[in-house]
N, C-alpha and C. Protein backbone atom coordinates (compact mmCIF):
# COMPACT_ATOMS: atom_id res chain seq x y z
N MET A 1 194.45 175.60 -154.62
CA MET A 1 193.89 174.42 -154.39
C MET A 1 192.35 174.94 -154.53
N SER A 2 191.92 173.06 -155.05
CA SER A 2 190.37 174.01 -154.95
C SER A 2 190.06 172.39 -154.28
N LEU A 3 189.16 173.31 -154.28
CA LEU A 3 188.12 171.83 -152.90
C LEU A 3 187.65 170.83 -153.48
N GLY A 4 187.88 170.37 -154.67
CA GLY A 4 187.22 168.53 -155.09
C GLY A 4 188.91 168.17 -154.89
N LEU A 5 189.54 168.60 -155.36
CA LEU A 5 191.73 168.02 -155.46
C LEU A 5 191.41 167.72 -153.12
N ILE A 6 191.23 168.46 -152.62
CA ILE A 6 191.10 168.57 -150.93
C ILE A 6 190.49 167.16 -150.67
N ILE A 7 189.33 167.12 -151.24
CA ILE A 7 187.58 166.29 -150.84
C ILE A 7 188.80 164.74 -151.14
N GLU A 8 189.40 164.80 -152.94
CA GLU A 8 189.87 163.09 -153.58
C GLU A 8 190.55 162.64 -153.13
N CYS A 9 192.08 164.25 -152.41
CA CYS A 9 192.70 163.86 -151.84
C CYS A 9 192.14 162.83 -150.08
N ILE A 10 191.25 163.56 -149.70
CA ILE A 10 190.61 162.88 -148.26
C ILE A 10 190.59 161.48 -149.37
N VAL A 11 189.48 161.61 -149.21
CA VAL A 11 189.08 160.27 -149.94
C VAL A 11 190.07 158.82 -150.45
N ALA A 12 191.44 159.34 -151.12
CA ALA A 12 192.40 158.40 -151.27
C ALA A 12 193.07 158.12 -149.83
N VAL A 13 193.18 159.21 -149.05
CA VAL A 13 193.46 158.70 -147.98
C VAL A 13 192.68 157.40 -146.99
N LEU A 14 191.57 158.10 -146.64
CA LEU A 14 190.70 156.70 -146.18
C LEU A 14 190.59 155.81 -147.45
N LEU A 15 190.69 155.97 -148.32
CA LEU A 15 190.69 154.85 -148.87
C LEU A 15 191.96 153.52 -148.99
N VAL A 16 192.73 154.26 -148.86
CA VAL A 16 194.59 153.84 -148.28
C VAL A 16 193.83 153.09 -147.04
N ILE A 17 193.65 153.86 -146.18
CA ILE A 17 193.40 152.69 -144.93
C ILE A 17 192.86 152.86 -145.07
N THR A 18 191.51 152.10 -145.39
CA THR A 18 190.55 151.52 -145.72
C THR A 18 191.70 149.84 -146.26
N ILE A 19 192.42 149.88 -146.76
CA ILE A 19 192.46 149.11 -147.84
C ILE A 19 193.64 147.91 -147.04
N GLY A 20 194.27 148.70 -146.48
CA GLY A 20 195.15 148.56 -144.71
C GLY A 20 194.95 148.18 -143.81
N TYR A 21 193.65 148.33 -143.69
CA TYR A 21 192.80 147.48 -142.46
C TYR A 21 192.25 146.43 -143.17
N CYS A 22 191.29 146.73 -144.78
CA CYS A 22 191.35 144.75 -145.03
C CYS A 22 192.06 143.82 -145.09
N TRP A 23 193.16 144.83 -145.39
CA TRP A 23 194.58 143.96 -145.36
C TRP A 23 194.13 142.78 -143.61
N THR A 24 194.86 144.48 -142.96
CA THR A 24 195.27 143.61 -141.26
C THR A 24 193.71 142.54 -140.74
N LEU A 25 192.40 142.84 -141.26
CA LEU A 25 191.52 141.69 -141.17
C LEU A 25 191.45 140.35 -142.18
N ASN A 26 192.37 140.80 -143.23
CA ASN A 26 192.13 139.50 -143.75
C ASN A 26 193.61 138.49 -143.35
N ARG A 27 193.67 139.19 -142.32
CA ARG A 27 195.26 138.20 -141.97
C ARG A 27 194.65 137.95 -140.85
N ARG A 28 194.00 138.44 -140.46
CA ARG A 28 193.29 138.32 -138.98
C ARG A 28 192.79 136.34 -139.26
N LEU A 29 191.69 137.13 -140.27
CA LEU A 29 190.92 136.01 -140.02
C LEU A 29 191.35 134.95 -140.91
N SER A 30 192.68 134.61 -141.38
CA SER A 30 193.24 133.01 -142.25
C SER A 30 193.91 132.84 -141.14
N ARG A 31 194.51 133.54 -139.96
CA ARG A 31 194.54 132.49 -138.95
C ARG A 31 193.91 132.38 -138.04
N LEU A 32 192.41 132.67 -137.61
CA LEU A 32 191.62 132.43 -136.94
C LEU A 32 191.02 131.11 -137.62
N ARG A 33 191.21 131.27 -139.53
CA ARG A 33 190.92 129.86 -140.14
C ARG A 33 191.52 128.98 -139.99
N SER A 34 193.09 129.03 -140.00
CA SER A 34 193.94 127.91 -139.00
C SER A 34 194.04 127.16 -137.86
N ASP A 35 193.48 128.85 -137.15
CA ASP A 35 193.15 127.85 -135.83
C ASP A 35 192.52 127.31 -135.23
N GLU A 36 190.82 126.93 -136.64
CA GLU A 36 189.92 126.53 -136.42
C GLU A 36 190.14 124.85 -136.48
N GLU A 37 191.70 124.63 -138.22
CA GLU A 37 191.82 123.69 -138.06
C GLU A 37 192.16 123.02 -136.94
N SER A 38 193.13 123.57 -136.46
CA SER A 38 194.11 122.81 -135.16
C SER A 38 192.75 122.63 -133.74
N LEU A 39 192.43 123.93 -133.94
CA LEU A 39 191.05 123.44 -133.04
C LEU A 39 190.73 122.13 -133.10
N ARG A 40 190.12 121.37 -134.12
CA ARG A 40 189.65 121.14 -134.90
C ARG A 40 189.73 119.61 -134.45
N ALA A 41 191.73 119.11 -134.57
CA ALA A 41 192.31 118.93 -133.82
C ALA A 41 192.85 117.99 -132.38
N THR A 42 192.46 119.03 -132.20
CA THR A 42 192.85 119.45 -131.00
C THR A 42 191.54 118.19 -129.85
N ILE A 43 190.06 119.32 -130.57
CA ILE A 43 189.05 117.81 -130.52
C ILE A 43 189.14 116.86 -130.24
N SER A 44 189.57 116.81 -131.86
CA SER A 44 189.51 115.61 -131.92
C SER A 44 190.40 114.11 -131.33
N GLU A 45 191.22 114.99 -130.74
CA GLU A 45 192.18 114.02 -129.97
C GLU A 45 191.74 113.91 -128.25
N LEU A 46 191.73 115.04 -128.14
CA LEU A 46 190.40 114.81 -126.83
C LEU A 46 189.04 114.30 -126.67
N ILE A 47 188.96 114.18 -128.00
CA ILE A 47 188.12 112.88 -127.95
C ILE A 47 188.19 111.08 -128.20
N THR A 48 189.39 111.10 -128.49
CA THR A 48 190.30 110.02 -128.64
C THR A 48 190.47 109.77 -127.19
N ALA A 49 191.51 110.87 -126.82
CA ALA A 49 191.83 110.78 -125.12
C ALA A 49 190.62 109.77 -123.74
N THR A 50 189.43 110.27 -124.06
CA THR A 50 188.37 110.63 -123.81
C THR A 50 187.37 109.15 -123.65
N GLU A 51 187.68 107.95 -124.28
CA GLU A 51 187.44 106.59 -124.98
C GLU A 51 188.67 106.17 -124.45
N ILE A 52 189.81 106.35 -124.51
CA ILE A 52 190.28 105.50 -123.95
C ILE A 52 190.88 105.23 -122.33
N ALA A 53 190.10 107.01 -121.86
CA ALA A 53 190.26 107.08 -120.39
C ALA A 53 188.92 106.30 -120.50
N GLU A 54 187.60 106.27 -120.69
CA GLU A 54 186.29 105.63 -120.16
C GLU A 54 187.42 103.90 -119.78
N ARG A 55 187.64 103.88 -121.52
CA ARG A 55 188.10 102.28 -121.50
C ARG A 55 189.04 101.75 -120.13
N ALA A 56 190.20 102.72 -119.89
CA ALA A 56 190.90 102.52 -118.58
C ALA A 56 189.41 102.37 -117.72
N ILE A 57 188.94 103.31 -117.13
CA ILE A 57 188.20 103.28 -115.70
C ILE A 57 187.02 101.72 -116.08
N MET A 58 186.51 101.34 -117.09
CA MET A 58 186.05 100.00 -117.14
C MET A 58 186.62 99.26 -116.69
N GLY A 59 188.06 99.48 -117.44
CA GLY A 59 189.19 98.10 -116.95
C GLY A 59 189.29 98.19 -114.78
N LEU A 60 189.67 99.22 -115.06
CA LEU A 60 189.85 99.52 -113.01
C LEU A 60 188.15 99.02 -112.58
N LYS A 61 187.62 99.22 -113.30
CA LYS A 61 186.01 98.41 -112.88
C LYS A 61 186.37 96.74 -112.96
N SER A 62 186.10 96.62 -113.82
CA SER A 62 186.24 95.31 -113.86
C SER A 62 187.28 94.87 -112.78
N THR A 63 188.58 95.32 -112.74
CA THR A 63 189.76 94.73 -112.06
C THR A 63 190.15 94.76 -110.34
N CYS A 64 188.77 95.97 -109.72
CA CYS A 64 188.65 96.81 -108.52
C CYS A 64 187.71 95.24 -108.09
N GLY A 65 186.64 94.73 -108.71
CA GLY A 65 185.47 93.70 -108.63
C GLY A 65 186.46 92.28 -108.18
N ASN A 66 186.91 92.22 -110.03
CA ASN A 66 187.69 91.10 -109.20
C ASN A 66 188.64 91.41 -107.66
N ALA A 67 188.99 92.07 -107.55
CA ALA A 67 189.92 92.56 -106.05
C ALA A 67 188.78 92.14 -104.60
N ASP A 68 187.21 92.44 -105.33
CA ASP A 68 186.62 92.38 -104.17
C ASP A 68 186.14 91.08 -103.86
N ARG A 69 186.44 90.47 -104.80
CA ARG A 69 185.44 89.32 -105.27
C ARG A 69 187.20 88.61 -104.16
N THR A 70 188.00 88.13 -104.29
CA THR A 70 188.44 87.74 -104.23
C THR A 70 189.21 88.14 -103.41
N LEU A 71 188.84 89.44 -102.69
CA LEU A 71 189.28 89.87 -100.68
C LEU A 71 188.39 88.69 -99.94
N GLY A 72 186.86 89.48 -100.81
CA GLY A 72 185.98 88.72 -99.83
C GLY A 72 186.25 87.05 -99.86
N VAL A 73 186.96 86.32 -100.68
CA VAL A 73 186.85 84.79 -100.44
C VAL A 73 187.54 84.70 -98.98
N ARG A 74 189.34 85.27 -99.37
CA ARG A 74 190.00 86.02 -98.47
C ARG A 74 189.62 85.99 -96.97
N LEU A 75 188.94 86.81 -96.65
CA LEU A 75 188.51 87.34 -95.91
C LEU A 75 187.39 85.97 -95.05
N GLY A 76 186.72 84.99 -95.96
CA GLY A 76 186.30 84.42 -95.41
C GLY A 76 187.11 83.21 -95.09
N GLU A 77 188.00 82.84 -95.80
CA GLU A 77 189.05 81.70 -95.57
C GLU A 77 188.99 82.37 -94.60
N ALA A 78 190.12 83.31 -93.77
CA ALA A 78 190.77 84.24 -92.56
C ALA A 78 189.19 83.64 -91.46
N GLU A 79 188.06 83.92 -91.60
CA GLU A 79 187.66 84.36 -91.09
C GLU A 79 186.93 82.96 -90.25
N ALA A 80 187.26 81.29 -90.85
CA ALA A 80 187.62 80.63 -91.16
C ALA A 80 187.94 80.39 -89.81
N VAL A 81 190.05 80.46 -90.49
CA VAL A 81 190.84 79.24 -89.73
C VAL A 81 190.82 80.09 -88.04
N SER A 82 189.97 81.47 -88.47
CA SER A 82 190.59 82.15 -86.57
C SER A 82 189.30 81.57 -86.53
N ARG A 83 187.86 80.59 -86.43
CA ARG A 83 187.29 79.87 -85.83
C ARG A 83 187.95 78.82 -85.58
N LYS A 84 188.85 77.90 -86.38
CA LYS A 84 189.10 76.95 -86.02
C LYS A 84 190.18 77.45 -84.44
N LEU A 85 190.76 78.42 -85.26
CA LEU A 85 191.78 78.71 -83.61
C LEU A 85 191.56 78.44 -82.93
N THR A 86 190.37 79.45 -82.74
CA THR A 86 189.69 79.59 -81.24
C THR A 86 189.00 78.77 -81.25
N ASN A 87 188.40 77.28 -81.77
CA ASN A 87 188.09 75.91 -81.15
C ASN A 87 189.12 75.05 -80.99
N GLN A 88 190.17 75.47 -81.62
CA GLN A 88 191.74 74.50 -81.23
C GLN A 88 191.98 75.24 -80.03
N LEU A 89 192.14 76.32 -79.74
CA LEU A 89 192.33 77.25 -78.68
C LEU A 89 191.52 76.53 -77.05
N GLY A 90 190.77 76.48 -77.21
CA GLY A 90 190.04 75.53 -76.50
C GLY A 90 190.18 74.52 -76.08
N ALA A 91 190.11 73.34 -77.22
CA ALA A 91 191.05 72.49 -76.88
C ALA A 91 191.59 72.47 -76.10
N GLY A 92 193.40 73.11 -76.80
CA GLY A 92 194.12 72.84 -76.28
C GLY A 92 194.00 73.72 -74.58
N GLU A 93 193.15 74.11 -74.38
CA GLU A 93 192.98 74.33 -72.78
C GLU A 93 192.70 73.61 -72.19
N ASP A 94 191.12 73.03 -72.79
CA ASP A 94 190.99 71.36 -71.83
C ASP A 94 192.03 70.65 -71.41
N VAL A 95 192.21 70.34 -72.61
CA VAL A 95 193.70 69.76 -72.79
C VAL A 95 195.23 70.34 -71.53
N LEU A 96 195.15 71.43 -71.36
CA LEU A 96 196.43 71.47 -71.30
C LEU A 96 195.55 71.43 -69.17
N ASP A 97 194.19 71.77 -69.23
CA ASP A 97 193.50 71.66 -67.70
C ASP A 97 193.88 70.33 -66.88
N ARG A 98 193.20 69.18 -68.34
CA ARG A 98 193.27 67.62 -67.63
C ARG A 98 195.04 67.26 -67.90
N ILE A 99 195.63 67.80 -67.90
CA ILE A 99 197.33 67.49 -67.73
C ILE A 99 197.55 68.52 -66.25
N GLY A 100 197.49 69.09 -66.02
CA GLY A 100 197.40 70.61 -64.72
C GLY A 100 197.00 69.36 -63.86
N GLY A 101 195.80 68.86 -64.22
CA GLY A 101 194.67 67.68 -63.08
C GLY A 101 195.90 66.35 -63.00
N VAL A 102 196.56 65.84 -63.59
CA VAL A 102 197.25 64.84 -63.90
C VAL A 102 198.25 65.36 -62.98
N ALA A 103 198.55 65.85 -63.85
CA ALA A 103 200.15 66.66 -62.39
C ALA A 103 199.92 66.84 -61.12
N ASP A 104 198.64 67.39 -61.40
CA ASP A 104 198.46 67.83 -59.25
C ASP A 104 197.71 66.31 -58.66
N ARG A 105 197.09 64.80 -59.50
CA ARG A 105 196.76 63.80 -59.00
C ARG A 105 198.16 63.79 -58.27
N ALA A 106 198.90 62.99 -59.60
CA ALA A 106 200.11 62.53 -59.28
C ALA A 106 201.01 63.98 -58.24
N LEU A 107 201.48 64.86 -57.81
CA LEU A 107 201.78 65.34 -56.91
C LEU A 107 201.46 65.70 -55.73
N ALA A 108 199.34 64.95 -55.36
CA ALA A 108 199.42 64.72 -54.11
C ALA A 108 199.80 63.13 -53.78
N ASP A 109 199.21 62.28 -54.85
CA ASP A 109 199.98 61.65 -54.75
C ASP A 109 201.30 61.12 -53.94
N ARG A 110 201.70 61.63 -54.57
CA ARG A 110 203.33 61.82 -54.18
C ARG A 110 202.92 62.19 -52.79
N ASP A 111 202.24 63.45 -52.34
CA ASP A 111 203.02 63.62 -50.83
C ASP A 111 201.91 62.45 -50.00
N THR A 112 201.63 61.87 -50.29
CA THR A 112 200.70 60.87 -49.70
C THR A 112 201.58 60.13 -49.34
N ARG A 113 202.47 59.38 -50.21
CA ARG A 113 203.53 58.44 -50.40
C ARG A 113 204.29 59.01 -49.06
N VAL A 114 204.99 60.24 -49.36
CA VAL A 114 206.14 60.17 -48.30
C VAL A 114 206.01 60.53 -47.24
N ALA A 115 203.76 61.32 -46.80
CA ALA A 115 203.70 61.36 -45.63
C ALA A 115 203.74 60.22 -45.24
N ALA A 116 203.45 59.14 -45.91
CA ALA A 116 202.98 57.65 -44.38
C ALA A 116 203.65 56.85 -45.47
N PRO A 117 204.50 56.08 -44.91
CA PRO A 117 205.89 55.84 -45.38
C PRO A 117 205.63 54.07 -45.58
N ALA A 118 204.74 53.55 -44.07
CA ALA A 118 204.10 52.31 -43.37
C ALA A 118 203.27 52.24 -43.92
N ALA A 119 202.39 53.12 -44.94
CA ALA A 119 201.02 52.77 -45.72
C ALA A 119 201.88 51.87 -46.87
N PRO A 120 201.73 50.66 -47.09
CA PRO A 120 202.38 50.36 -48.70
C PRO A 120 202.01 51.33 -50.53
N VAL A 121 202.88 51.19 -50.55
CA VAL A 121 202.60 51.85 -52.20
C VAL A 121 201.69 51.55 -53.17
N SER A 122 201.46 51.67 -53.45
CA SER A 122 200.22 51.36 -54.86
C SER A 122 200.32 52.24 -55.80
N ARG A 123 200.64 51.83 -56.46
CA ARG A 123 200.67 52.68 -57.80
C ARG A 123 199.99 52.30 -58.41
N THR A 124 198.82 52.72 -58.68
CA THR A 124 197.17 53.32 -59.34
C THR A 124 196.91 54.16 -60.50
N TYR A 125 197.81 54.15 -61.37
CA TYR A 125 197.35 55.57 -61.75
C TYR A 125 195.90 55.62 -63.11
N GLU A 126 195.58 56.61 -63.34
CA GLU A 126 194.26 56.62 -63.34
C GLU A 126 195.00 56.39 -65.39
N THR A 127 196.05 56.44 -65.84
CA THR A 127 196.02 57.08 -67.43
C THR A 127 197.48 57.03 -67.69
N ALA A 128 198.61 56.78 -67.92
CA ALA A 128 199.01 56.27 -68.35
C ALA A 128 200.33 58.13 -68.70
N ALA A 129 199.88 59.15 -68.53
CA ALA A 129 200.22 60.69 -68.64
C ALA A 129 199.89 60.54 -67.03
N GLU A 130 199.23 60.45 -66.52
CA GLU A 130 199.82 60.30 -65.05
C GLU A 130 200.90 59.44 -64.49
N GLY A 131 201.42 59.11 -64.38
CA GLY A 131 202.45 57.95 -64.14
C GLY A 131 203.85 58.21 -65.21
N LEU A 132 203.23 59.07 -66.36
CA LEU A 132 204.64 60.08 -67.19
C LEU A 132 204.95 61.28 -65.92
N ALA A 133 203.64 61.78 -65.68
CA ALA A 133 203.78 62.87 -65.01
C ALA A 133 204.66 62.54 -63.65
N ALA A 134 204.02 62.03 -63.19
CA ALA A 134 205.26 61.10 -62.27
C ALA A 134 206.27 60.91 -61.76
N GLY A 135 206.83 60.04 -62.92
CA GLY A 135 207.92 60.18 -62.89
C GLY A 135 208.67 61.37 -63.46
N ILE A 136 208.22 62.54 -63.84
CA ILE A 136 209.07 63.30 -64.76
C ILE A 136 209.44 64.17 -63.08
N ILE A 137 208.27 64.70 -62.00
CA ILE A 137 208.62 65.31 -61.01
C ILE A 137 209.20 64.19 -59.86
N ALA A 138 209.21 62.37 -59.92
CA ALA A 138 209.97 62.60 -59.22
C ALA A 138 211.45 62.45 -60.14
N GLU A 139 211.99 62.66 -60.71
CA GLU A 139 213.05 62.82 -62.02
C GLU A 139 213.48 64.33 -61.42
N GLN A 140 212.66 65.35 -61.04
CA GLN A 140 212.78 66.57 -61.12
C GLN A 140 213.26 66.44 -60.10
N GLU A 141 212.11 66.37 -58.79
CA GLU A 141 212.91 65.85 -57.09
C GLU A 141 215.14 65.51 -56.97
N THR A 142 214.93 64.60 -57.43
CA THR A 142 216.60 63.53 -57.75
C THR A 142 217.22 65.04 -58.07
N MET A 143 216.61 65.84 -59.58
CA MET A 143 218.11 66.82 -59.74
C MET A 143 218.38 67.74 -58.65
N HIS A 144 216.90 68.59 -58.14
CA HIS A 144 216.29 69.26 -57.39
C HIS A 144 216.18 69.42 -56.01
N PRO A 145 216.71 68.37 -55.91
CA PRO A 145 215.65 67.82 -54.17
C PRO A 145 215.63 69.02 -52.48
N ALA A 146 216.71 70.35 -52.80
CA ALA A 146 216.26 71.32 -51.86
C ALA A 146 214.18 72.19 -52.27
N GLU A 147 214.73 71.96 -53.65
CA GLU A 147 213.11 73.06 -53.76
C GLU A 147 212.20 71.91 -53.83
N THR A 148 210.92 72.52 -53.29
CA THR A 148 209.51 72.48 -52.66
C THR A 148 208.22 72.30 -53.37
N ARG A 149 207.86 71.47 -53.76
CA ARG A 149 206.60 72.60 -54.72
C ARG A 149 205.29 72.08 -54.37
N SER A 150 204.15 73.16 -54.65
CA SER A 150 203.13 73.18 -54.41
C SER A 150 202.54 72.68 -55.06
N ALA A 151 201.26 71.79 -55.61
CA ALA A 151 200.77 71.61 -56.66
C ALA A 151 200.04 72.48 -57.22
N PRO A 152 199.13 73.76 -56.23
CA PRO A 152 198.46 74.90 -58.30
C PRO A 152 199.86 75.33 -58.95
N ALA A 153 200.67 74.92 -58.47
CA ALA A 153 201.90 75.81 -59.02
C ALA A 153 201.83 75.95 -60.34
N PRO A 154 202.16 74.68 -60.77
CA PRO A 154 201.98 74.40 -62.35
C PRO A 154 200.36 74.50 -62.91
N LYS A 155 199.76 74.35 -62.46
CA LYS A 155 198.38 75.05 -63.36
C LYS A 155 198.33 76.21 -63.10
N ALA A 156 199.05 77.00 -62.43
CA ALA A 156 198.66 78.66 -62.66
C ALA A 156 199.18 79.10 -63.73
N ALA A 157 200.48 77.99 -63.69
CA ALA A 157 201.39 78.85 -64.79
C ALA A 157 200.94 78.77 -66.19
N THR A 158 200.16 77.01 -66.27
CA THR A 158 199.35 76.88 -67.36
C THR A 158 198.72 78.02 -68.17
N ARG A 159 197.84 77.76 -66.89
CA ARG A 159 196.38 79.04 -66.99
C ARG A 159 196.63 80.35 -67.57
N SER A 160 197.78 80.47 -66.97
CA SER A 160 198.41 81.61 -67.28
C SER A 160 198.79 82.08 -69.05
N VAL A 161 199.46 81.07 -69.11
CA VAL A 161 200.09 80.88 -70.72
C VAL A 161 198.85 80.32 -72.08
N THR A 162 197.88 78.96 -71.28
CA THR A 162 196.32 79.25 -72.46
C THR A 162 196.04 80.61 -72.40
N ARG A 163 195.58 81.41 -71.29
CA ARG A 163 194.87 82.67 -71.47
C ARG A 163 195.76 83.65 -72.01
N ASP A 164 197.01 84.06 -72.26
CA ASP A 164 197.54 85.07 -73.10
C ASP A 164 197.43 84.53 -74.69
N ILE A 165 197.16 82.88 -74.23
CA ILE A 165 197.27 82.27 -76.14
C ILE A 165 195.82 83.21 -76.49
N ARG A 166 194.57 82.41 -75.35
CA ARG A 166 193.34 83.12 -76.08
C ARG A 166 193.42 84.95 -76.22
N GLU A 167 193.89 85.73 -75.07
CA GLU A 167 193.82 86.68 -74.92
C GLU A 167 194.71 86.43 -76.91
N ALA A 168 195.34 86.98 -77.23
CA ALA A 168 196.81 87.39 -78.46
C ALA A 168 195.28 86.56 -79.74
N ALA A 169 195.00 85.18 -79.63
CA ALA A 169 193.91 84.78 -80.31
C ALA A 169 192.18 85.49 -80.33
N ASN A 170 192.34 86.15 -79.18
CA ASN A 170 191.02 86.92 -79.75
C ASN A 170 191.17 88.33 -80.22
N GLU A 171 193.01 88.80 -79.62
CA GLU A 171 193.27 90.01 -81.16
C GLU A 171 193.39 90.22 -81.93
N SER A 172 193.92 88.77 -82.59
CA SER A 172 193.52 88.50 -83.95
C SER A 172 192.90 88.37 -84.48
N ALA A 173 191.12 87.93 -83.53
CA ALA A 173 190.01 87.68 -84.22
C ALA A 173 189.51 89.24 -84.20
N ALA A 174 189.47 89.85 -83.76
CA ALA A 174 189.08 91.00 -83.35
C ALA A 174 189.78 91.70 -84.47
N ARG A 175 191.08 91.52 -84.26
CA ARG A 175 191.41 92.84 -85.50
C ARG A 175 190.82 92.24 -87.15
N LEU A 176 191.14 91.17 -86.95
CA LEU A 176 190.50 90.64 -88.90
C LEU A 176 188.79 90.82 -89.07
N GLU A 177 188.10 91.41 -87.94
CA GLU A 177 187.13 92.25 -88.11
C GLU A 177 186.95 93.08 -88.43
N ARG A 178 188.04 94.04 -87.64
CA ARG A 178 188.09 95.43 -88.48
C ARG A 178 188.42 96.07 -90.15
N PHE A 179 189.64 94.80 -89.90
CA PHE A 179 189.66 94.27 -91.07
C PHE A 179 188.57 94.34 -92.34
N ARG A 180 187.60 92.85 -92.27
CA ARG A 180 186.88 93.17 -92.96
C ARG A 180 186.13 94.16 -93.23
N ARG A 181 185.72 94.19 -92.07
CA ARG A 181 184.72 95.77 -92.00
C ARG A 181 185.77 97.06 -93.12
N GLN A 182 186.63 97.32 -92.49
CA GLN A 182 186.64 98.69 -93.82
C GLN A 182 186.91 97.98 -94.76
N ALA A 183 186.78 96.88 -94.93
CA ALA A 183 186.80 96.51 -96.45
C ALA A 183 185.84 96.46 -97.21
N GLN A 184 185.04 96.09 -96.36
CA GLN A 184 182.99 96.57 -96.52
C GLN A 184 183.02 97.94 -97.31
N ASP A 185 183.68 98.76 -95.86
CA ASP A 185 183.47 100.35 -96.32
C ASP A 185 184.29 100.72 -97.36
N ARG A 186 184.98 99.82 -97.82
CA ARG A 186 185.48 100.71 -98.69
C ARG A 186 184.62 100.15 -100.11
N VAL A 187 184.32 99.61 -99.83
CA VAL A 187 184.03 98.53 -101.13
C VAL A 187 182.45 99.56 -101.66
N ALA A 188 181.88 99.91 -100.27
CA ALA A 188 180.45 100.60 -100.54
C ALA A 188 180.74 101.97 -100.83
């Protein structure tokens, strides 16, 4: 064999390898071009999804603002009700103290009438409530004659109840204030 034929065979083999490599490269490039199309479609979908998410975020911000305003209004109303309840509890405590005073005076009046039977009985009551308290006390004594009552006992029980009510009102006002502060912290 001649040297020229060997060189031509080697060139032919290299040419076949080059053609095979070009064919493989062409397939890869066509796959890359098809992947580019799918990548463009994916990017387009991603842009659409981003726009939808931006609109949803704007809607959530609007809803959050509305909820914040509504919560602010409701907290204001709750604070007003709390102040009103506090004032009413104070007024109720005053009324209970006055009723306790009337009951104390009625008990004292009854005790003086029982202690001094020779004195003429005068039934002068400062108010109609005083007469009512005396009637209730007399009725209770006829039902339970063995019990002895002292004047400060009903007032102490009344003060205990009013103290419990006042403490509960103060506790609920404190809770309301904590809730309001937490809501403001969340908004900020």
